[in-house]
Amino acid sequence: MKKRGFLYPVVLLLIVPVQALLLPNLTLFGASPDLALIAIYLIGFHFGEFDGVFMGMALGFLLDFFSVGALGVNFLLCSAVGLTAGLLGRFFLGMGLAVNFAIVFLISLVQDGAAYLLLNLVSEVGGFFSAFTGHLLLQAGYTAALATVLFHFFGRRLPQGGATLGEGVLFTPGRNQGAPK
């Protein structure tokens, strides 16, 4: 078993309170980073699809439980983020930091946009275009920037197969056992 047994309880116990209590003080033009998305992406990318989906389901459930929105939205979207990150980690392990920034930016944008649209189906939240051009783009950029910093810090320290992050290599075979190294 990989050295991750301590990681899951720590993330599950700390991520929601930190995101709810600390991050409102760290806003940048009204946007704050999504620590749950960053944690799910890091875990899925480094430990695989199963761990990514498990962490996505667990954090998504906690976010749904403690939020006032529609139940199940975070559960589904965070699970999808974990699966996506796990697949990316399996097939493209050696992505550089700039590529990871772009991927986290897009994932954050898609997740927040989908959540906004799903919540708009349940209740009238407001215009999607104004939210997209204002808050969603800024929050995706802030989340991607923080995720890139954490990738740089944790990328070399987390156990993984293949190349390490930040080497400047765009794509390497990663942990896919059938791919040539």
N, C-alpha and C. Protein backbone atom coordinates (compact mmCIF):
# COMPACT_ATOMS: atom_id res chain seq x y z
N MET A 1 0.84 -1.18 0.00
CA MET A 1 0.00 0.00 0.00
C MET A 1 0.88 1.24 0.00
N LYS A 2 0.52 2.21 -0.79
CA LYS A 2 1.30 3.43 -0.88
C LYS A 2 1.14 4.24 0.40
N LYS A 3 2.04 5.17 0.61
CA LYS A 3 2.02 6.00 1.81
C LYS A 3 0.93 7.06 1.70
N ARG A 4 -0.31 6.65 1.82
CA ARG A 4 -1.40 7.60 1.73
C ARG A 4 -2.47 7.35 2.79
N GLY A 5 -2.24 6.41 3.70
CA GLY A 5 -3.23 6.08 4.71
C GLY A 5 -3.58 7.24 5.60
N PHE A 6 -2.61 8.09 5.92
CA PHE A 6 -2.86 9.24 6.78
C PHE A 6 -3.49 10.40 6.00
N LEU A 7 -3.34 10.40 4.68
CA LEU A 7 -3.74 11.54 3.86
C LEU A 7 -5.24 11.74 3.81
N TYR A 8 -6.00 10.66 3.65
CA TYR A 8 -7.44 10.80 3.47
C TYR A 8 -8.16 11.37 4.68
N PRO A 9 -7.93 10.86 5.89
CA PRO A 9 -8.62 11.45 7.04
C PRO A 9 -8.25 12.91 7.27
N VAL A 10 -6.98 13.26 7.04
CA VAL A 10 -6.56 14.64 7.22
C VAL A 10 -7.28 15.56 6.23
N VAL A 11 -7.32 15.14 4.97
CA VAL A 11 -7.99 15.95 3.95
C VAL A 11 -9.48 16.06 4.25
N LEU A 12 -10.10 14.94 4.61
CA LEU A 12 -11.55 14.96 4.86
C LEU A 12 -11.91 15.79 6.09
N LEU A 13 -11.07 15.77 7.11
CA LEU A 13 -11.37 16.51 8.32
C LEU A 13 -11.04 18.00 8.22
N LEU A 14 -10.08 18.36 7.39
CA LEU A 14 -9.62 19.74 7.36
C LEU A 14 -10.11 20.57 6.19
N ILE A 15 -10.39 19.96 5.06
CA ILE A 15 -10.62 20.74 3.85
C ILE A 15 -11.89 21.59 3.92
N VAL A 16 -12.98 21.03 4.40
CA VAL A 16 -14.24 21.78 4.45
C VAL A 16 -14.18 22.91 5.47
N PRO A 17 -13.69 22.68 6.71
CA PRO A 17 -13.59 23.81 7.64
C PRO A 17 -12.62 24.90 7.17
N VAL A 18 -11.49 24.49 6.59
CA VAL A 18 -10.53 25.48 6.11
C VAL A 18 -11.14 26.29 4.98
N GLN A 19 -11.84 25.62 4.08
CA GLN A 19 -12.46 26.31 2.95
C GLN A 19 -13.57 27.24 3.43
N ALA A 20 -14.30 26.83 4.45
CA ALA A 20 -15.41 27.66 4.93
C ALA A 20 -14.95 28.80 5.84
N LEU A 21 -13.91 28.56 6.64
CA LEU A 21 -13.52 29.56 7.63
C LEU A 21 -12.34 30.44 7.21
N LEU A 22 -11.36 29.86 6.54
CA LEU A 22 -10.15 30.60 6.22
C LEU A 22 -10.20 31.29 4.87
N LEU A 23 -10.75 30.62 3.87
CA LEU A 23 -10.69 31.16 2.51
C LEU A 23 -11.52 32.42 2.28
N PRO A 24 -12.60 32.66 3.00
CA PRO A 24 -13.28 33.95 2.78
C PRO A 24 -12.38 35.15 3.10
N ASN A 25 -11.35 34.94 3.91
CA ASN A 25 -10.39 36.01 4.21
C ASN A 25 -9.31 36.14 3.15
N LEU A 26 -9.19 35.16 2.27
CA LEU A 26 -8.16 35.16 1.23
C LEU A 26 -8.74 35.39 -0.16
N THR A 27 -9.77 36.22 -0.23
CA THR A 27 -10.39 36.47 -1.53
C THR A 27 -9.56 37.43 -2.36
N LEU A 28 -9.65 37.27 -3.65
CA LEU A 28 -8.99 38.15 -4.60
C LEU A 28 -10.06 38.65 -5.56
N PHE A 29 -10.43 39.90 -5.44
CA PHE A 29 -11.51 40.49 -6.24
C PHE A 29 -12.82 39.73 -6.09
N GLY A 30 -13.08 39.23 -4.89
CA GLY A 30 -14.32 38.53 -4.60
C GLY A 30 -14.31 37.04 -4.88
N ALA A 31 -13.20 36.50 -5.36
CA ALA A 31 -13.11 35.07 -5.67
C ALA A 31 -12.13 34.40 -4.71
N SER A 32 -12.43 33.18 -4.35
CA SER A 32 -11.53 32.40 -3.51
C SER A 32 -11.28 31.05 -4.18
N PRO A 33 -10.11 30.45 -3.93
CA PRO A 33 -9.81 29.17 -4.58
C PRO A 33 -10.66 28.05 -4.01
N ASP A 34 -10.83 27.02 -4.80
CA ASP A 34 -11.60 25.84 -4.40
C ASP A 34 -10.63 24.77 -3.92
N LEU A 35 -10.42 24.72 -2.61
CA LEU A 35 -9.47 23.76 -2.05
C LEU A 35 -9.91 22.31 -2.25
N ALA A 36 -11.20 22.07 -2.23
CA ALA A 36 -11.69 20.70 -2.44
C ALA A 36 -11.32 20.21 -3.83
N LEU A 37 -11.50 21.04 -4.83
CA LEU A 37 -11.14 20.67 -6.20
C LEU A 37 -9.64 20.41 -6.30
N ILE A 38 -8.84 21.25 -5.66
CA ILE A 38 -7.39 21.07 -5.71
C ILE A 38 -6.99 19.76 -5.03
N ALA A 39 -7.58 19.48 -3.87
CA ALA A 39 -7.25 18.23 -3.16
C ALA A 39 -7.66 17.01 -3.98
N ILE A 40 -8.85 17.06 -4.55
CA ILE A 40 -9.32 15.93 -5.37
C ILE A 40 -8.42 15.74 -6.58
N TYR A 41 -8.04 16.83 -7.22
CA TYR A 41 -7.19 16.74 -8.40
C TYR A 41 -5.81 16.18 -8.03
N LEU A 42 -5.21 16.68 -6.96
CA LEU A 42 -3.90 16.18 -6.54
C LEU A 42 -3.93 14.70 -6.20
N ILE A 43 -4.94 14.29 -5.44
CA ILE A 43 -5.04 12.89 -5.03
C ILE A 43 -5.33 12.00 -6.22
N GLY A 44 -6.27 12.40 -7.06
CA GLY A 44 -6.58 11.61 -8.25
C GLY A 44 -5.40 11.51 -9.19
N PHE A 45 -4.70 12.61 -9.39
CA PHE A 45 -3.57 12.64 -10.31
C PHE A 45 -2.43 11.76 -9.84
N HIS A 46 -2.16 11.78 -8.54
CA HIS A 46 -1.01 11.03 -8.03
C HIS A 46 -1.33 9.59 -7.66
N PHE A 47 -2.56 9.29 -7.26
CA PHE A 47 -2.86 7.96 -6.76
C PHE A 47 -3.83 7.17 -7.63
N GLY A 48 -4.41 7.77 -8.67
CA GLY A 48 -5.23 7.01 -9.60
C GLY A 48 -6.71 7.33 -9.53
N GLU A 49 -7.44 6.71 -10.45
CA GLU A 49 -8.87 6.99 -10.59
C GLU A 49 -9.67 6.58 -9.37
N PHE A 50 -9.38 5.39 -8.82
CA PHE A 50 -10.16 4.91 -7.67
C PHE A 50 -10.04 5.88 -6.50
N ASP A 51 -8.82 6.28 -6.18
CA ASP A 51 -8.61 7.21 -5.07
C ASP A 51 -9.20 8.58 -5.38
N GLY A 52 -9.09 9.01 -6.63
CA GLY A 52 -9.67 10.29 -7.02
C GLY A 52 -11.18 10.30 -6.91
N VAL A 53 -11.81 9.23 -7.39
CA VAL A 53 -13.28 9.15 -7.29
C VAL A 53 -13.71 9.02 -5.84
N PHE A 54 -12.99 8.22 -5.05
CA PHE A 54 -13.32 8.08 -3.64
C PHE A 54 -13.23 9.42 -2.92
N MET A 55 -12.13 10.15 -3.14
CA MET A 55 -11.99 11.45 -2.49
C MET A 55 -13.02 12.43 -3.03
N GLY A 56 -13.31 12.37 -4.32
CA GLY A 56 -14.34 13.23 -4.90
C GLY A 56 -15.71 12.97 -4.30
N MET A 57 -16.04 11.70 -4.15
CA MET A 57 -17.34 11.36 -3.55
C MET A 57 -17.40 11.82 -2.09
N ALA A 58 -16.33 11.58 -1.34
CA ALA A 58 -16.33 11.94 0.08
C ALA A 58 -16.39 13.45 0.27
N LEU A 59 -15.54 14.19 -0.43
CA LEU A 59 -15.56 15.65 -0.30
C LEU A 59 -16.82 16.25 -0.90
N GLY A 60 -17.29 15.69 -2.01
CA GLY A 60 -18.54 16.16 -2.60
C GLY A 60 -19.72 15.97 -1.66
N PHE A 61 -19.76 14.83 -0.98
CA PHE A 61 -20.82 14.59 -0.01
C PHE A 61 -20.73 15.60 1.14
N LEU A 62 -19.51 15.83 1.66
CA LEU A 62 -19.35 16.80 2.75
C LEU A 62 -19.74 18.21 2.31
N LEU A 63 -19.35 18.59 1.11
CA LEU A 63 -19.72 19.91 0.61
C LEU A 63 -21.22 20.03 0.43
N ASP A 64 -21.85 18.98 -0.08
CA ASP A 64 -23.32 18.99 -0.21
C ASP A 64 -23.99 19.04 1.15
N PHE A 65 -23.46 18.30 2.10
CA PHE A 65 -24.06 18.22 3.43
C PHE A 65 -24.02 19.58 4.14
N PHE A 66 -22.90 20.30 3.99
CA PHE A 66 -22.75 21.55 4.69
C PHE A 66 -23.15 22.78 3.88
N SER A 67 -23.61 22.61 2.67
CA SER A 67 -24.02 23.76 1.87
C SER A 67 -25.54 23.86 1.84
N VAL A 68 -26.02 24.99 1.35
CA VAL A 68 -27.46 25.20 1.29
C VAL A 68 -28.00 24.93 -0.11
N GLY A 69 -27.16 24.48 -1.02
CA GLY A 69 -27.57 24.23 -2.40
C GLY A 69 -28.27 22.89 -2.55
N ALA A 70 -28.49 22.53 -3.79
CA ALA A 70 -29.15 21.27 -4.11
C ALA A 70 -28.23 20.10 -3.76
N LEU A 71 -28.78 19.09 -3.09
CA LEU A 71 -27.99 17.92 -2.71
C LEU A 71 -27.61 17.10 -3.93
N GLY A 72 -26.40 16.63 -3.95
CA GLY A 72 -25.93 15.74 -5.00
C GLY A 72 -25.11 16.42 -6.08
N VAL A 73 -25.19 17.75 -6.20
CA VAL A 73 -24.46 18.45 -7.26
C VAL A 73 -22.95 18.32 -7.03
N ASN A 74 -22.49 18.66 -5.84
CA ASN A 74 -21.06 18.54 -5.54
C ASN A 74 -20.59 17.10 -5.55
N PHE A 75 -21.44 16.18 -5.09
CA PHE A 75 -21.10 14.77 -5.09
C PHE A 75 -20.78 14.29 -6.50
N LEU A 76 -21.65 14.61 -7.45
CA LEU A 76 -21.45 14.17 -8.83
C LEU A 76 -20.26 14.88 -9.49
N LEU A 77 -20.19 16.19 -9.31
CA LEU A 77 -19.14 16.94 -9.99
C LEU A 77 -17.76 16.64 -9.42
N CYS A 78 -17.65 16.51 -8.12
CA CYS A 78 -16.35 16.19 -7.50
C CYS A 78 -15.91 14.77 -7.86
N SER A 79 -16.85 13.85 -7.97
CA SER A 79 -16.52 12.49 -8.40
C SER A 79 -15.97 12.49 -9.83
N ALA A 80 -16.58 13.31 -10.68
CA ALA A 80 -16.11 13.43 -12.06
C ALA A 80 -14.72 14.04 -12.12
N VAL A 81 -14.45 15.02 -11.26
CA VAL A 81 -13.10 15.62 -11.20
C VAL A 81 -12.08 14.58 -10.77
N GLY A 82 -12.41 13.76 -9.76
CA GLY A 82 -11.50 12.71 -9.31
C GLY A 82 -11.21 11.70 -10.39
N LEU A 83 -12.23 11.30 -11.14
CA LEU A 83 -12.04 10.36 -12.23
C LEU A 83 -11.16 10.97 -13.32
N THR A 84 -11.44 12.21 -13.69
CA THR A 84 -10.66 12.89 -14.72
C THR A 84 -9.20 13.02 -14.31
N ALA A 85 -8.97 13.44 -13.07
CA ALA A 85 -7.59 13.60 -12.58
C ALA A 85 -6.87 12.26 -12.54
N GLY A 86 -7.57 11.22 -12.13
CA GLY A 86 -6.95 9.89 -12.09
C GLY A 86 -6.56 9.40 -13.47
N LEU A 87 -7.42 9.62 -14.45
CA LEU A 87 -7.09 9.21 -15.81
C LEU A 87 -5.94 10.04 -16.37
N LEU A 88 -5.92 11.33 -16.09
CA LEU A 88 -4.80 12.16 -16.53
C LEU A 88 -3.50 11.71 -15.89
N GLY A 89 -3.55 11.39 -14.60
CA GLY A 89 -2.36 10.93 -13.91
C GLY A 89 -1.86 9.60 -14.42
N ARG A 90 -2.77 8.77 -14.88
CA ARG A 90 -2.36 7.46 -15.39
C ARG A 90 -1.69 7.58 -16.76
N PHE A 91 -2.25 8.39 -17.63
CA PHE A 91 -1.76 8.42 -19.00
C PHE A 91 -0.78 9.55 -19.29
N PHE A 92 -0.83 10.63 -18.52
CA PHE A 92 0.03 11.79 -18.80
C PHE A 92 0.69 12.28 -17.52
N LEU A 93 1.48 11.44 -16.89
CA LEU A 93 2.03 11.76 -15.58
C LEU A 93 3.03 12.90 -15.62
N GLY A 94 3.80 13.04 -16.65
CA GLY A 94 4.87 14.02 -16.67
C GLY A 94 4.48 15.37 -17.23
N MET A 95 3.25 15.80 -17.08
CA MET A 95 2.84 17.10 -17.60
C MET A 95 3.55 18.20 -16.83
N GLY A 96 3.95 19.24 -17.53
CA GLY A 96 4.59 20.38 -16.90
C GLY A 96 3.59 21.20 -16.10
N LEU A 97 4.10 22.14 -15.35
CA LEU A 97 3.26 22.96 -14.49
C LEU A 97 2.29 23.83 -15.29
N ALA A 98 2.73 24.34 -16.43
CA ALA A 98 1.85 25.17 -17.25
C ALA A 98 0.66 24.36 -17.78
N VAL A 99 0.91 23.12 -18.16
CA VAL A 99 -0.18 22.27 -18.64
C VAL A 99 -1.12 21.94 -17.50
N ASN A 100 -0.58 21.67 -16.31
CA ASN A 100 -1.45 21.43 -15.15
C ASN A 100 -2.27 22.66 -14.80
N PHE A 101 -1.68 23.85 -14.91
CA PHE A 101 -2.43 25.07 -14.68
C PHE A 101 -3.62 25.14 -15.62
N ALA A 102 -3.37 24.89 -16.92
CA ALA A 102 -4.44 24.97 -17.91
C ALA A 102 -5.52 23.92 -17.64
N ILE A 103 -5.13 22.71 -17.27
CA ILE A 103 -6.10 21.66 -17.01
C ILE A 103 -6.93 21.97 -15.78
N VAL A 104 -6.30 22.41 -14.69
CA VAL A 104 -7.06 22.76 -13.49
C VAL A 104 -7.96 23.95 -13.77
N PHE A 105 -7.49 24.91 -14.55
CA PHE A 105 -8.32 26.05 -14.92
C PHE A 105 -9.58 25.58 -15.65
N LEU A 106 -9.40 24.72 -16.65
CA LEU A 106 -10.55 24.22 -17.41
C LEU A 106 -11.48 23.37 -16.55
N ILE A 107 -10.91 22.49 -15.72
CA ILE A 107 -11.75 21.66 -14.85
C ILE A 107 -12.53 22.52 -13.87
N SER A 108 -11.88 23.52 -13.30
CA SER A 108 -12.57 24.42 -12.38
C SER A 108 -13.68 25.18 -13.09
N LEU A 109 -13.40 25.65 -14.28
CA LEU A 109 -14.38 26.39 -15.05
C LEU A 109 -15.58 25.52 -15.41
N VAL A 110 -15.31 24.30 -15.85
CA VAL A 110 -16.40 23.38 -16.20
C VAL A 110 -17.19 22.98 -14.96
N GLN A 111 -16.50 22.68 -13.86
CA GLN A 111 -17.20 22.28 -12.64
C GLN A 111 -18.07 23.41 -12.10
N ASP A 112 -17.50 24.61 -12.00
CA ASP A 112 -18.28 25.72 -11.48
C ASP A 112 -19.40 26.13 -12.43
N GLY A 113 -19.14 26.07 -13.73
CA GLY A 113 -20.18 26.37 -14.71
C GLY A 113 -21.32 25.36 -14.67
N ALA A 114 -20.97 24.08 -14.56
CA ALA A 114 -22.01 23.05 -14.47
C ALA A 114 -22.81 23.18 -13.18
N ALA A 115 -22.11 23.46 -12.07
CA ALA A 115 -22.82 23.65 -10.79
C ALA A 115 -23.74 24.85 -10.88
N TYR A 116 -23.28 25.92 -11.50
CA TYR A 116 -24.10 27.12 -11.65
C TYR A 116 -25.34 26.83 -12.49
N LEU A 117 -25.16 26.10 -13.59
CA LEU A 117 -26.30 25.76 -14.44
C LEU A 117 -27.27 24.82 -13.74
N LEU A 118 -26.73 23.81 -13.02
CA LEU A 118 -27.61 22.89 -12.30
C LEU A 118 -28.38 23.60 -11.19
N LEU A 119 -27.73 24.50 -10.49
CA LEU A 119 -28.42 25.25 -9.44
C LEU A 119 -29.42 26.23 -10.04
N ASN A 120 -29.15 26.71 -11.25
CA ASN A 120 -30.09 27.61 -11.92
C ASN A 120 -31.35 26.87 -12.35
N LEU A 121 -31.24 25.56 -12.58
CA LEU A 121 -32.44 24.78 -12.90
C LEU A 121 -33.35 24.65 -11.69
N VAL A 122 -32.75 24.57 -10.50
CA VAL A 122 -33.52 24.41 -9.27
C VAL A 122 -34.10 25.74 -8.82
N SER A 123 -33.33 26.78 -8.90
CA SER A 123 -33.79 28.10 -8.48
C SER A 123 -33.18 29.16 -9.39
N GLU A 124 -33.79 30.30 -9.44
CA GLU A 124 -33.28 31.39 -10.27
C GLU A 124 -32.06 32.02 -9.60
N VAL A 125 -30.88 31.70 -10.11
CA VAL A 125 -29.65 32.23 -9.55
C VAL A 125 -29.28 33.54 -10.23
N GLY A 126 -29.47 33.61 -11.51
CA GLY A 126 -29.12 34.82 -12.25
C GLY A 126 -28.56 34.48 -13.61
N GLY A 127 -28.07 35.49 -14.31
CA GLY A 127 -27.55 35.31 -15.66
C GLY A 127 -26.24 34.57 -15.68
N PHE A 128 -26.15 33.56 -16.53
CA PHE A 128 -24.94 32.74 -16.60
C PHE A 128 -23.79 33.51 -17.22
N PHE A 129 -24.06 34.30 -18.26
CA PHE A 129 -22.98 35.00 -18.95
C PHE A 129 -22.28 36.00 -18.04
N SER A 130 -23.04 36.73 -17.25
CA SER A 130 -22.41 37.70 -16.35
C SER A 130 -21.60 36.99 -15.26
N ALA A 131 -22.10 35.87 -14.76
CA ALA A 131 -21.35 35.10 -13.76
C ALA A 131 -20.11 34.48 -14.39
N PHE A 132 -20.24 34.01 -15.64
CA PHE A 132 -19.11 33.37 -16.32
C PHE A 132 -18.00 34.37 -16.56
N THR A 133 -18.32 35.54 -17.09
CA THR A 133 -17.29 36.51 -17.42
C THR A 133 -16.72 37.18 -16.18
N GLY A 134 -17.44 37.16 -15.10
CA GLY A 134 -16.95 37.81 -13.90
C GLY A 134 -16.34 36.84 -12.91
N HIS A 135 -17.18 36.22 -12.14
CA HIS A 135 -16.74 35.43 -11.00
C HIS A 135 -16.13 34.08 -11.38
N LEU A 136 -16.72 33.37 -12.32
CA LEU A 136 -16.25 32.01 -12.63
C LEU A 136 -14.85 32.00 -13.24
N LEU A 137 -14.55 32.93 -14.13
CA LEU A 137 -13.21 32.98 -14.72
C LEU A 137 -12.15 33.34 -13.68
N LEU A 138 -12.48 34.29 -12.82
CA LEU A 138 -11.54 34.70 -11.78
C LEU A 138 -11.30 33.58 -10.77
N GLN A 139 -12.37 32.90 -10.37
CA GLN A 139 -12.21 31.81 -9.42
C GLN A 139 -11.43 30.65 -10.04
N ALA A 140 -11.67 30.34 -11.30
CA ALA A 140 -10.92 29.27 -11.97
C ALA A 140 -9.44 29.62 -12.06
N GLY A 141 -9.13 30.87 -12.35
CA GLY A 141 -7.73 31.29 -12.41
C GLY A 141 -7.05 31.23 -11.05
N TYR A 142 -7.76 31.65 -10.02
CA TYR A 142 -7.22 31.63 -8.66
C TYR A 142 -7.00 30.18 -8.21
N THR A 143 -7.96 29.31 -8.48
CA THR A 143 -7.83 27.90 -8.13
C THR A 143 -6.67 27.26 -8.88
N ALA A 144 -6.55 27.55 -10.17
CA ALA A 144 -5.47 26.97 -10.97
C ALA A 144 -4.10 27.47 -10.51
N ALA A 145 -4.02 28.73 -10.13
CA ALA A 145 -2.74 29.28 -9.66
C ALA A 145 -2.31 28.61 -8.35
N LEU A 146 -3.25 28.47 -7.41
CA LEU A 146 -2.92 27.81 -6.15
C LEU A 146 -2.59 26.34 -6.37
N ALA A 147 -3.33 25.68 -7.26
CA ALA A 147 -3.05 24.27 -7.57
C ALA A 147 -1.66 24.12 -8.19
N THR A 148 -1.25 25.05 -9.03
CA THR A 148 0.08 24.99 -9.65
C THR A 148 1.17 25.13 -8.60
N VAL A 149 0.97 26.03 -7.64
CA VAL A 149 1.94 26.18 -6.56
C VAL A 149 2.02 24.89 -5.74
N LEU A 150 0.86 24.31 -5.42
CA LEU A 150 0.85 23.06 -4.65
C LEU A 150 1.44 21.90 -5.45
N PHE A 151 1.20 21.87 -6.77
CA PHE A 151 1.82 20.84 -7.61
C PHE A 151 3.33 20.97 -7.57
N HIS A 152 3.81 22.18 -7.63
CA HIS A 152 5.26 22.38 -7.59
C HIS A 152 5.83 21.92 -6.24
N PHE A 153 5.10 22.21 -5.17
CA PHE A 153 5.57 21.84 -3.84
C PHE A 153 5.44 20.35 -3.58
N PHE A 154 4.26 19.77 -3.86
CA PHE A 154 4.00 18.37 -3.55
C PHE A 154 4.35 17.42 -4.69
N GLY A 155 4.51 17.92 -5.89
CA GLY A 155 4.74 17.06 -7.05
C GLY A 155 5.95 16.18 -6.94
N ARG A 156 6.99 16.67 -6.34
CA ARG A 156 8.22 15.89 -6.20
C ARG A 156 8.22 15.03 -4.94
N ARG A 157 7.27 15.27 -4.04
CA ARG A 157 7.28 14.59 -2.76
C ARG A 157 6.30 13.42 -2.68
N LEU A 158 5.26 13.44 -3.49
CA LEU A 158 4.29 12.35 -3.45
C LEU A 158 4.84 11.15 -4.22
N PRO A 159 4.61 9.95 -3.72
CA PRO A 159 5.10 8.77 -4.43
C PRO A 159 4.35 8.57 -5.74
N GLN A 160 5.06 8.28 -6.78
CA GLN A 160 4.45 8.06 -8.08
C GLN A 160 5.42 7.31 -8.97
N GLY A 161 4.91 6.75 -10.04
CA GLY A 161 5.76 6.09 -11.00
C GLY A 161 6.06 7.03 -12.15
N GLY A 162 7.10 6.76 -12.90
CA GLY A 162 7.40 7.58 -14.06
C GLY A 162 8.10 8.87 -13.70
N ALA A 163 7.95 9.87 -14.56
CA ALA A 163 8.63 11.15 -14.38
C ALA A 163 7.95 11.97 -13.29
N THR A 164 8.67 12.94 -12.76
CA THR A 164 8.10 13.83 -11.76
C THR A 164 7.56 15.08 -12.44
N LEU A 165 6.68 15.76 -11.75
CA LEU A 165 6.09 16.97 -12.30
C LEU A 165 7.14 18.08 -12.35
N GLY A 166 6.94 18.98 -13.27
CA GLY A 166 7.80 20.14 -13.35
C GLY A 166 9.09 19.92 -14.11
N GLU A 167 9.21 18.80 -14.81
CA GLU A 167 10.43 18.55 -15.55
C GLU A 167 10.42 19.21 -16.92
N GLY A 168 9.30 19.78 -17.30
CA GLY A 168 9.20 20.40 -18.60
C GLY A 168 8.77 19.44 -19.69
N VAL A 169 8.51 18.21 -19.36
CA VAL A 169 8.06 17.23 -20.32
C VAL A 169 6.55 17.35 -20.44
N LEU A 170 6.04 17.44 -21.66
CA LEU A 170 4.61 17.60 -21.82
C LEU A 170 3.87 16.30 -21.52
N PHE A 171 4.23 15.22 -22.16
CA PHE A 171 3.54 13.96 -21.93
C PHE A 171 4.55 12.82 -21.82
N THR A 172 4.38 11.97 -20.82
CA THR A 172 5.16 10.74 -20.70
C THR A 172 4.17 9.63 -20.46
N PRO A 173 4.57 8.37 -20.61
CA PRO A 173 3.61 7.28 -20.48
C PRO A 173 2.97 7.16 -19.11
N GLY A 174 3.57 7.65 -18.06
CA GLY A 174 2.95 7.57 -16.75
C GLY A 174 2.90 6.17 -16.21
N ARG A 175 1.80 5.83 -15.49
CA ARG A 175 1.69 4.54 -14.85
C ARG A 175 0.98 3.51 -15.71
N ASN A 176 0.68 3.81 -16.93
CA ASN A 176 0.03 2.84 -17.79
C ASN A 176 0.99 1.69 -18.01
N GLN A 177 0.65 0.53 -17.48
CA GLN A 177 1.59 -0.61 -17.51
C GLN A 177 1.85 -1.11 -18.92
N GLY A 178 0.91 -0.91 -19.83
CA GLY A 178 1.10 -1.40 -21.20
C GLY A 178 1.88 -0.45 -22.08
N ALA A 179 2.10 0.80 -21.63
CA ALA A 179 2.76 1.77 -22.48
C ALA A 179 4.28 1.63 -22.36
N PRO A 180 5.00 1.83 -23.44
CA PRO A 180 6.46 1.75 -23.37
C PRO A 180 7.01 2.98 -22.66
N LYS A 181 8.08 2.76 -21.91
CA LYS A 181 8.68 3.90 -21.18
C LYS A 181 9.73 4.49 -22.00
